[in-house]
Amino acid sequence: MEHVESVTPRPAMQQKRVQLYLLMLLIDGALLLGSFVLAGGVYRNQWPLPFALSMGWAVLPIFLVIATYQQCYSLQALDSWRHAIGRMVVALLITAVICMVMIFYAKAATDFSRVMLSLALVFAFVSMAAARALLRFYIRQRFGPTMSSTLLVMDGGPQIEIPGAEVVKADSFDLAGANSDPRRLDQIGRLMRGMDRVVVSSDDERRALWARIMRSAGVRGEVLSEGLQDLGALGLRVQDGKALLLLSTGPLALHARLYKRAMDLAFTVSALLVLSPLMFLIAVLIKLEDGGPVFFVQPRMGQHNCLFNMLKFRSMKVDKGDRDGARSTSRADDRVTKIGKFIRKTSIDELPQLINVLRSEMSLVGPRPHALGSQAGQKLFWEVDSNYWLRHSLKPGLTGLAQVRGHRGATETESHLINRLDADLEYIRTWSLWGDIKILFATVRVLIHPNAY
């Protein structure tokens, strides 16, 4: 069975930043507790002073919450020592005010030492400032002037220098056919994946095409501007004396992606444990019916326009499988096996996609991934509406807004696809964690659906 070609992923700078954020948070926590121990020793000459350590544990969660809210653990804090110090000072001051207010209203002045608190916060400031200076020195030595990753694509446009950018030439891939060939989009998408910023320097004729590709890939994309027409720019920046228009940006901020991924993992691991007996039983029944493979593996387009192998329980006869999905399944389809009819009707055939979610190729909720040969009427999906590729700026989902609205089954007319596309783009525009939870609950009502065949 043919599989999507494996590509060694580029180490994402974002993952390294998250690790540094966690390291900063742990260091801050240790230094704050150490500052209270030091303050207790200086003030009462007892090492360690239990009372001082108790105060430290009481203040610690307040400071960490305030520091997180004040963006003490952010890209700017990694890139700028002054920003890091400024945010940290504000967080310490707010923590001090909150502690003093709590002491006053709790009438706990006899239980808390204001002198010890003041000493501890001063010691914390000095030690945290020193820690940030050392961290900034390490970052410059290890990663260069910035922790953000930039891809510069040269495609026949003016030369530009961006410090620390990874530079590639567009000669290696065929851009002209990208909007009609998912595999070419996959090549470009893998190039952009993991980048915080993508800058393209191209000629006038290809800028609009680059704009659409970057929007659909869900990256922060810019083009070198020299007399650009209206491309729906989001902003302007000047680099090396040249003007750059911001054309696209990822739909979700880092914290939103972390929340979404945390929910995916929490639900998926639990679901796999609970449903493993059922999945084993279905696998046995599929094998017993005709002896063929248990899984149907099909390349589909995922986030950033990158292909991945989507898993399903095989529901069709081995010799009649449709790898490209060019033929939609009909109500009395002769290709579907006996067990296949049941698992398609109950949506059980989709359960192996929990493995795709575990691999981070899919999410619980998102636009459903389509087969590459899927058609609406007599047209391929991307031929019906030029905005079709924009739905790939988020991970595809096990379920989505389109599905809970009843847009399932064969796409016999172009309007069937347009209804799904409108729902997918609405989901991307209005994403929220609570919205994902509501869609998951709503999915329970449509697991058995008249269009599921």
Protein backbone atom coordinates (compact mmCIF):
# COMPACT_ATOMS: atom_id res chain seq x y z
CA MET A 1 0.00 0.00 0.00
CA GLU A 2 1.34 3.41 -0.98
CA HIS A 3 1.95 5.91 1.80
CA VAL A 4 2.67 9.60 1.85
CA GLU A 5 6.42 10.15 1.61
CA SER A 6 7.91 10.72 5.04
CA VAL A 7 9.81 13.96 5.54
CA THR A 8 12.10 14.63 8.47
CA PRO A 9 10.42 17.56 10.28
CA ARG A 10 12.37 20.74 10.91
CA PRO A 11 12.93 21.32 14.65
CA ALA A 12 10.31 23.94 15.48
CA MET A 13 11.65 27.00 17.25
CA GLN A 14 8.26 27.30 18.94
CA GLN A 15 8.87 24.06 20.84
CA LYS A 16 12.20 25.38 22.09
CA ARG A 17 10.51 28.60 23.20
CA VAL A 18 7.90 26.69 25.20
CA GLN A 19 10.70 24.78 26.91
CA LEU A 20 12.43 28.06 27.79
CA TYR A 21 9.15 29.54 29.08
CA LEU A 22 8.75 26.56 31.40
CA LEU A 23 12.40 26.84 32.45
CA MET A 24 11.95 30.56 33.27
CA LEU A 25 8.81 29.78 35.27
CA LEU A 26 10.55 27.05 37.28
CA ILE A 27 13.60 29.25 37.89
CA ASP A 28 11.37 32.13 39.03
CA GLY A 29 9.55 29.82 41.43
CA ALA A 30 12.80 28.49 42.89
CA LEU A 31 14.32 31.97 43.19
CA LEU A 32 11.22 33.37 44.88
CA LEU A 33 11.21 30.61 47.47
CA GLY A 34 14.95 31.03 47.93
CA SER A 35 14.48 34.78 48.41
CA PHE A 36 12.08 34.17 51.28
CA VAL A 37 14.52 31.73 52.88
CA LEU A 38 17.28 34.34 52.51
CA ALA A 39 15.04 37.08 53.88
CA GLY A 40 14.15 34.93 56.89
CA GLY A 41 17.79 34.20 57.56
CA VAL A 42 18.82 37.86 57.31
CA TYR A 43 15.88 39.12 59.38
CA ARG A 44 15.69 36.39 62.08
CA ASN A 45 19.11 34.73 61.68
CA GLN A 46 17.57 31.28 61.31
CA TRP A 47 18.40 29.05 58.31
CA PRO A 48 15.91 28.09 57.10
CA LEU A 49 13.14 29.91 58.91
CA PRO A 50 9.93 27.80 58.58
CA PHE A 51 7.76 30.91 58.87
CA ALA A 52 9.61 32.55 55.93
CA LEU A 53 9.27 29.43 53.80
CA SER A 54 5.53 29.30 54.56
CA MET A 55 5.22 32.91 53.41
CA GLY A 56 7.08 32.00 50.23
CA TRP A 57 4.69 29.17 49.40
CA ALA A 58 1.74 31.50 50.00
CA VAL A 59 3.13 34.22 47.71
CA LEU A 60 4.41 31.88 44.97
CA PRO A 61 1.08 31.07 43.21
CA ILE A 62 0.07 34.75 43.27
CA PHE A 63 3.30 35.82 41.61
CA LEU A 64 3.23 33.07 38.96
CA VAL A 65 -0.33 33.94 37.92
CA ILE A 66 0.49 37.66 37.72
CA ALA A 67 3.78 36.99 35.89
CA THR A 68 2.05 34.84 33.30
CA TYR A 69 -0.62 37.51 32.78
CA GLN A 70 2.10 40.18 32.45
CA GLN A 71 3.78 38.16 29.66
CA CYS A 72 6.92 37.47 31.64
CA TYR A 73 7.11 34.20 29.71
CA SER A 74 6.78 35.35 26.11
CA LEU A 75 8.80 35.74 22.94
CA GLN A 76 9.51 39.39 23.75
CA ALA A 77 10.83 38.39 27.16
CA LEU A 78 13.25 35.98 25.46
CA ASP A 79 14.35 38.47 22.79
CA SER A 80 14.65 41.60 24.95
CA TRP A 81 16.33 41.72 28.37
CA ARG A 82 14.80 45.15 29.06
CA HIS A 83 11.31 43.88 28.29
CA ALA A 84 11.89 40.83 30.49
CA ILE A 85 13.06 42.97 33.42
CA GLY A 86 10.23 45.47 33.00
CA ARG A 87 7.52 42.79 32.96
CA MET A 88 9.10 41.05 35.96
CA VAL A 89 9.21 44.28 38.01
CA VAL A 90 5.54 44.97 37.27
CA ALA A 91 4.63 41.42 38.31
CA LEU A 92 6.54 41.74 41.61
CA LEU A 93 4.94 45.10 42.40
CA ILE A 94 1.41 43.83 41.70
CA THR A 95 2.15 40.75 43.82
CA ALA A 96 3.29 42.97 46.69
CA VAL A 97 0.13 45.09 46.50
CA ILE A 98 -2.12 42.03 46.40
CA CYS A 99 -0.33 40.48 49.38
CA MET A 100 -0.62 43.68 51.42
CA VAL A 101 -4.33 43.97 50.63
CA MET A 102 -4.91 40.33 51.59
CA ILE A 103 -2.99 40.83 54.86
CA PHE A 104 -5.05 43.92 55.68
CA TYR A 105 -8.47 42.40 54.96
CA ALA A 106 -7.60 39.10 56.60
CA LYS A 107 -6.35 40.97 59.69
CA ALA A 108 -3.25 38.79 59.52
CA ALA A 109 -0.62 41.45 60.18
CA THR A 110 0.62 39.49 63.18
CA ASP A 111 0.98 36.34 61.06
CA PHE A 112 2.84 38.04 58.21
CA SER A 113 6.01 40.08 58.40
CA ARG A 114 5.93 43.08 56.06
CA VAL A 115 9.66 43.59 56.54
CA MET A 116 10.39 40.01 55.57
CA LEU A 117 8.04 40.28 52.57
CA SER A 118 9.80 43.45 51.39
CA LEU A 119 13.24 41.91 51.79
CA ALA A 120 12.18 38.78 49.93
CA LEU A 121 10.78 40.75 46.98
CA VAL A 122 14.00 42.81 46.73
CA PHE A 123 16.09 39.64 46.76
CA ALA A 124 13.73 38.12 44.17
CA PHE A 125 14.14 41.14 41.88
CA VAL A 126 17.94 40.96 42.00
CA SER A 127 18.13 37.21 41.46
CA MET A 128 15.46 37.13 38.71
CA ALA A 129 17.12 40.02 36.87
CA ALA A 130 20.44 38.18 36.98
CA ALA A 131 18.78 34.96 35.81
CA ARG A 132 17.20 36.77 32.86
CA ALA A 133 20.52 38.33 31.92
CA LEU A 134 22.19 34.91 31.92
CA LEU A 135 19.32 33.40 29.95
CA ARG A 136 19.51 36.18 27.36
CA PHE A 137 23.27 35.59 27.01
CA TYR A 138 22.66 31.86 26.53
CA ILE A 139 19.97 32.51 23.91
CA ARG A 140 22.25 34.81 21.90
CA GLN A 141 25.05 32.25 21.99
CA ARG A 142 22.80 29.28 21.19
CA PHE A 143 20.10 30.68 18.88
CA GLY A 144 21.32 34.06 17.67
CA PRO A 145 19.67 37.48 17.97
CA THR A 146 16.09 36.19 18.11
CA MET A 147 14.12 33.11 19.09
CA SER A 148 11.69 33.49 16.19
CA SER A 149 12.17 31.45 13.00
CA THR A 150 11.94 33.14 9.59
CA LEU A 151 11.79 31.61 6.13
CA LEU A 152 12.81 33.86 3.22
CA VAL A 153 11.61 32.60 -0.17
CA MET A 154 13.35 34.17 -3.16
CA ASP A 155 11.11 33.93 -6.22
CA GLY A 156 12.44 36.47 -8.67
CA GLY A 157 11.88 39.56 -6.53
CA PRO A 158 14.30 42.13 -5.08
CA GLN A 159 17.12 40.99 -2.81
CA ILE A 160 16.63 41.49 0.94
CA GLU A 161 18.69 40.56 3.98
CA ILE A 162 16.89 39.25 7.10
CA PRO A 163 19.28 38.27 9.94
CA GLY A 164 18.86 34.66 11.01
CA ALA A 165 16.43 33.79 8.20
CA GLU A 166 16.48 30.46 6.39
CA VAL A 167 16.71 31.32 2.67
CA VAL A 168 15.31 29.08 -0.10
CA LYS A 169 14.82 29.61 -3.81
CA ALA A 170 11.45 28.85 -5.39
CA ASP A 171 13.09 27.22 -8.42
CA SER A 172 12.81 23.81 -6.74
CA PHE A 173 9.01 23.62 -6.88
CA ASP A 174 6.32 24.38 -9.44
CA LEU A 175 4.21 27.18 -8.00
CA ALA A 176 2.01 27.64 -11.05
CA GLY A 177 0.14 24.36 -10.55
CA ALA A 178 0.05 24.43 -6.74
CA ASN A 179 -3.60 25.50 -6.46
CA SER A 180 -4.68 22.49 -8.53
CA ASP A 181 -2.26 19.87 -7.19
CA PRO A 182 -2.36 18.91 -3.49
CA ARG A 183 1.05 17.23 -3.67
CA ARG A 184 2.72 20.44 -4.82
CA LEU A 185 0.99 22.28 -1.98
CA ASP A 186 2.28 19.59 0.36
CA GLN A 187 5.85 20.34 -0.73
CA ILE A 188 5.42 24.06 -0.09
CA GLY A 189 3.50 23.49 3.16
CA ARG A 190 6.26 21.33 4.62
CA LEU A 191 8.74 24.07 3.80
CA MET A 192 6.69 26.63 5.76
CA ARG A 193 5.66 24.41 8.65
CA GLY A 194 7.20 25.37 11.99
CA MET A 195 8.09 28.89 10.83
CA ASP A 196 6.97 31.94 12.81
CA ARG A 197 7.30 34.18 9.78
CA VAL A 198 7.45 33.57 6.02
CA VAL A 199 8.70 36.35 3.73
CA VAL A 200 8.41 36.06 -0.05
CA SER A 201 10.24 38.19 -2.58
CA SER A 202 8.60 37.57 -5.96
CA ASP A 203 7.63 39.37 -9.15
CA ASP A 204 4.28 41.16 -9.50
CA GLU A 205 2.50 38.31 -11.31
CA ARG A 206 3.05 35.73 -8.57
CA ARG A 207 2.36 37.80 -5.45
CA ALA A 208 -1.38 37.14 -5.41
CA LEU A 209 -0.73 33.40 -5.68
CA TRP A 210 1.78 33.53 -2.83
CA ALA A 211 -0.75 35.47 -0.76
CA ARG A 212 -3.36 32.72 -1.17
CA ILE A 213 -0.86 29.94 -0.45
CA MET A 214 0.36 31.59 2.76
CA ARG A 215 -3.18 32.26 3.99
CA SER A 216 -4.22 28.66 3.38
CA ALA A 217 -1.05 27.37 5.08
CA GLY A 218 -1.99 29.28 8.24
CA VAL A 219 1.40 30.97 8.62
CA ARG A 220 2.36 34.56 9.27
CA GLY A 221 3.15 35.54 5.70
CA GLU A 222 4.59 38.68 4.13
CA VAL A 223 5.61 39.69 0.62
CA LEU A 224 8.22 42.20 -0.41
CA SER A 225 6.25 45.24 -1.57
CA GLU A 226 7.12 47.40 -4.53
CA GLY A 227 3.93 49.01 -5.83
CA LEU A 228 1.66 46.17 -4.64
CA GLN A 229 -2.01 46.12 -5.52
CA ASP A 230 -4.61 45.60 -2.85
CA LEU A 231 -4.00 42.09 -1.50
CA GLY A 232 -5.86 42.49 1.78
CA ALA A 233 -2.72 43.29 3.78
CA LEU A 234 -2.91 43.05 7.58
CA GLY A 235 -0.01 45.36 8.32
CA LEU A 236 3.23 46.92 7.16
CA ARG A 237 6.77 46.44 8.35
CA VAL A 238 10.09 47.86 7.15
CA GLN A 239 13.09 45.54 6.85
CA ASP A 240 16.48 46.44 5.43
CA GLY A 241 15.00 49.64 3.99
CA LYS A 242 12.27 47.72 2.13
CA ALA A 243 8.52 47.76 2.80
CA LEU A 244 6.80 44.45 3.58
CA LEU A 245 3.04 43.88 3.68
CA LEU A 246 1.65 41.39 6.19
CA LEU A 247 -0.80 39.22 4.23
CA SER A 248 -1.68 36.42 6.60
CA THR A 249 -1.27 35.24 10.15
CA GLY A 250 -2.01 31.95 11.90
CA PRO A 251 -5.59 31.77 13.18
CA LEU A 252 -4.74 30.74 16.77
CA ALA A 253 -2.30 32.24 19.26
CA LEU A 254 0.16 29.99 21.10
CA HIS A 255 -1.93 29.74 24.28
CA ALA A 256 -5.00 28.80 22.22
CA ARG A 257 -3.07 26.04 20.41
CA LEU A 258 -1.80 24.72 23.74
CA TYR A 259 -5.34 24.64 25.20
CA LYS A 260 -6.67 22.88 22.10
CA ARG A 261 -3.85 20.32 22.11
CA ALA A 262 -4.28 19.67 25.85
CA MET A 263 -7.98 18.94 25.31
CA ASP A 264 -7.15 16.69 22.34
CA LEU A 265 -4.70 14.63 24.38
CA ALA A 266 -6.89 14.40 27.49
CA PHE A 267 -9.90 13.16 25.51
CA THR A 268 -8.01 10.97 23.02
CA VAL A 269 -5.95 9.00 25.55
CA SER A 270 -9.08 8.36 27.64
CA ALA A 271 -11.15 7.42 24.57
CA LEU A 272 -8.52 4.97 23.27
CA LEU A 273 -8.40 3.23 26.67
CA VAL A 274 -12.19 2.99 26.92
CA LEU A 275 -12.84 2.07 23.28
CA SER A 276 -9.93 -0.34 22.77
CA PRO A 277 -12.13 -3.48 23.34
CA LEU A 278 -14.64 -2.24 20.75
CA MET A 279 -11.90 -1.34 18.27
CA PHE A 280 -10.30 -4.78 18.74
CA LEU A 281 -13.67 -6.47 18.12
CA ILE A 282 -14.27 -4.45 14.93
CA ALA A 283 -10.76 -5.30 13.71
CA VAL A 284 -11.43 -9.02 14.25
CA LEU A 285 -14.79 -8.86 12.42
CA ILE A 286 -13.23 -7.06 9.43
CA LYS A 287 -10.47 -9.65 9.25
CA LEU A 288 -12.89 -12.58 9.53
CA GLU A 289 -15.18 -11.31 6.77
CA ASP A 290 -12.73 -11.33 3.88
CA GLY A 291 -9.22 -11.64 5.32
CA GLY A 292 -8.19 -8.22 4.04
CA PRO A 293 -6.40 -5.44 5.92
CA VAL A 294 -8.12 -3.96 8.95
CA PHE A 295 -7.30 -0.32 8.18
CA PHE A 296 -7.91 1.83 5.15
CA VAL A 297 -5.05 4.32 4.84
CA GLN A 298 -5.63 7.33 2.61
CA PRO A 299 -3.56 10.49 1.99
CA ARG A 300 -5.51 13.61 2.89
CA MET A 301 -4.69 17.27 3.14
CA GLY A 302 -3.97 18.52 6.66
CA GLN A 303 -2.85 21.69 8.36
CA HIS A 304 -0.48 23.97 6.44
CA ASN A 305 -1.58 22.18 3.21
CA CYS A 306 0.56 19.18 4.21
CA LEU A 307 -0.52 15.63 3.34
CA PHE A 308 -0.86 12.97 6.03
CA ASN A 309 -2.08 9.36 6.09
CA MET A 310 -5.58 9.27 7.59
CA LEU A 311 -6.69 6.01 9.21
CA LYS A 312 -10.14 4.41 9.03
CA PHE A 313 -11.48 0.93 9.63
CA ARG A 314 -11.76 -0.61 6.16
CA SER A 315 -15.42 -0.70 5.14
CA MET A 316 -15.06 -1.55 1.44
CA LYS A 317 -13.98 -4.65 -0.43
CA VAL A 318 -10.24 -4.88 -0.91
CA ASP A 319 -10.35 -4.84 -4.71
CA LYS A 320 -12.80 -1.92 -4.85
CA GLY A 321 -11.12 0.56 -2.54
CA ASP A 322 -11.02 4.14 -3.80
CA ARG A 323 -7.71 5.59 -2.61
CA ASP A 324 -8.28 9.00 -4.19
CA GLY A 325 -11.95 9.23 -3.18
CA ALA A 326 -13.06 10.14 -6.70
CA ARG A 327 -16.37 8.29 -6.27
CA SER A 328 -18.63 9.26 -3.37
CA THR A 329 -20.25 6.43 -1.47
CA SER A 330 -23.90 5.91 -2.39
CA ARG A 331 -26.73 4.50 -0.27
CA ALA A 332 -26.66 1.07 -1.96
CA ASP A 333 -22.95 0.97 -2.78
CA ASP A 334 -21.79 -2.46 -3.93
CA ARG A 335 -18.27 -1.74 -2.71
CA VAL A 336 -19.24 -1.70 1.00
CA THR A 337 -18.82 -4.90 3.02
CA LYS A 338 -21.37 -6.27 5.48
CA ILE A 339 -19.47 -5.08 8.54
CA GLY A 340 -18.66 -1.92 6.59
CA LYS A 341 -22.33 -0.97 6.36
CA PHE A 342 -22.65 -1.12 10.13
CA ILE A 343 -19.50 0.78 11.01
CA ARG A 344 -20.20 3.49 8.43
CA LYS A 345 -23.78 3.90 9.64
CA THR A 346 -22.62 4.30 13.25
CA SER A 347 -19.44 6.28 12.40
CA ILE A 348 -17.35 3.58 14.11
CA ASP A 349 -15.16 3.45 10.99
CA GLU A 350 -13.74 6.85 12.01
CA LEU A 351 -12.40 5.67 15.42
CA PRO A 352 -8.82 4.93 14.21
CA GLN A 353 -8.47 8.65 13.57
CA LEU A 354 -7.97 8.96 17.32
CA ILE A 355 -4.46 7.70 16.47
CA ASN A 356 -4.11 10.59 14.01
CA VAL A 357 -5.11 12.96 16.82
CA LEU A 358 -2.53 11.35 19.10
CA ARG A 359 0.10 11.90 16.38
CA SER A 360 -0.92 15.59 16.19
CA GLU A 361 -1.95 15.18 12.54
CA MET A 362 -5.58 15.86 13.44
CA SER A 363 -7.59 17.47 16.20
CA LEU A 364 -10.84 16.39 17.83
CA VAL A 365 -12.63 19.35 16.24
CA GLY A 366 -11.78 21.03 12.96
CA PRO A 367 -12.57 20.99 9.24
CA ARG A 368 -12.97 17.39 8.08
CA PRO A 369 -10.09 16.27 5.81
CA HIS A 370 -11.22 15.43 2.28
CA ALA A 371 -9.94 12.79 -0.12
CA LEU A 372 -7.78 14.29 -2.87
CA GLY A 373 -10.09 13.17 -5.64
CA SER A 374 -13.36 14.26 -4.02
CA GLN A 375 -15.76 16.02 -6.36
CA ALA A 376 -18.83 18.23 -6.03
CA GLY A 377 -20.90 17.73 -9.12
CA GLN A 378 -18.28 17.28 -11.83
CA LYS A 379 -15.58 19.47 -10.27
CA LEU A 380 -12.79 18.82 -7.79
CA PHE A 381 -13.44 20.61 -4.51
CA TRP A 382 -10.81 23.32 -5.03
CA GLU A 383 -12.22 24.02 -8.51
CA VAL A 384 -15.61 24.91 -7.03
CA ASP A 385 -14.40 27.72 -4.77
CA SER A 386 -10.97 29.37 -4.76
CA ASN A 387 -11.23 29.80 -0.96
CA TYR A 388 -11.23 26.04 -0.47
CA TRP A 389 -7.55 25.86 0.58
CA LEU A 390 -8.13 28.38 3.40
CA ARG A 391 -9.79 25.62 5.46
CA HIS A 392 -6.36 24.03 5.99
CA SER A 393 -5.03 26.78 8.26
CA LEU A 394 -6.14 24.62 11.22
CA LYS A 395 -5.69 20.92 11.89
CA PRO A 396 -8.44 18.77 10.38
CA GLY A 397 -10.86 17.29 12.89
CA LEU A 398 -12.69 14.09 13.75
CA THR A 399 -15.79 16.24 13.74
CA GLY A 400 -16.55 19.84 12.92
CA LEU A 401 -19.11 22.59 12.67
CA ALA A 402 -20.18 21.42 9.21
CA GLN A 403 -20.86 17.91 10.48
CA VAL A 404 -23.03 18.95 13.44
CA ARG A 405 -25.02 21.15 11.05
CA GLY A 406 -25.86 18.09 9.01
CA HIS A 407 -23.47 18.57 6.08
CA ARG A 408 -22.39 14.96 5.65
CA GLY A 409 -22.42 12.30 2.98
CA ALA A 410 -21.94 12.62 -0.76
CA THR A 411 -21.39 16.04 -2.36
CA GLU A 412 -23.73 15.59 -5.31
CA THR A 413 -23.91 19.30 -6.12
CA GLU A 414 -21.55 22.24 -5.77
CA SER A 415 -23.82 23.76 -3.11
CA HIS A 416 -23.15 20.74 -0.87
CA LEU A 417 -19.46 21.64 -0.80
CA ILE A 418 -20.07 25.38 -0.45
CA ASN A 419 -22.25 24.78 2.64
CA ARG A 420 -19.46 22.75 4.24
CA LEU A 421 -16.79 25.26 3.26
CA ASP A 422 -18.79 28.17 4.72
CA ALA A 423 -19.16 26.29 8.02
CA ASP A 424 -15.43 25.40 8.10
CA LEU A 425 -14.32 28.99 7.49
CA GLU A 426 -16.81 30.24 10.10
CA TYR A 427 -15.32 27.77 12.60
CA ILE A 428 -11.79 29.05 11.89
CA ARG A 429 -12.85 32.70 12.24
CA THR A 430 -14.75 32.21 15.50
CA TRP A 431 -12.72 29.46 17.20
CA SER A 432 -12.98 29.11 20.98
CA LEU A 433 -12.32 26.24 23.38
CA TRP A 434 -15.92 26.39 24.58
CA GLY A 435 -17.03 26.18 20.94
CA ASP A 436 -15.02 22.97 20.52
CA ILE A 437 -16.66 21.49 23.61
CA LYS A 438 -20.14 22.35 22.30
CA ILE A 439 -19.36 20.77 18.92
CA LEU A 440 -18.15 17.57 20.64
CA PHE A 441 -21.41 17.28 22.59
CA ALA A 442 -23.45 18.09 19.48
CA THR A 443 -21.60 15.35 17.57
CA VAL A 444 -23.14 12.69 19.80
CA ARG A 445 -26.55 13.53 18.28
CA VAL A 446 -25.34 13.01 14.70
CA LEU A 447 -23.19 9.88 15.06
CA ILE A 448 -26.00 7.95 13.42
CA HIS A 449 -27.06 10.10 10.49
CA PRO A 450 -29.25 9.41 7.40
CA ASN A 451 -26.37 10.58 5.19
CA ALA A 452 -23.86 8.23 6.82
CA TYR A 453 -23.62 5.34 4.35
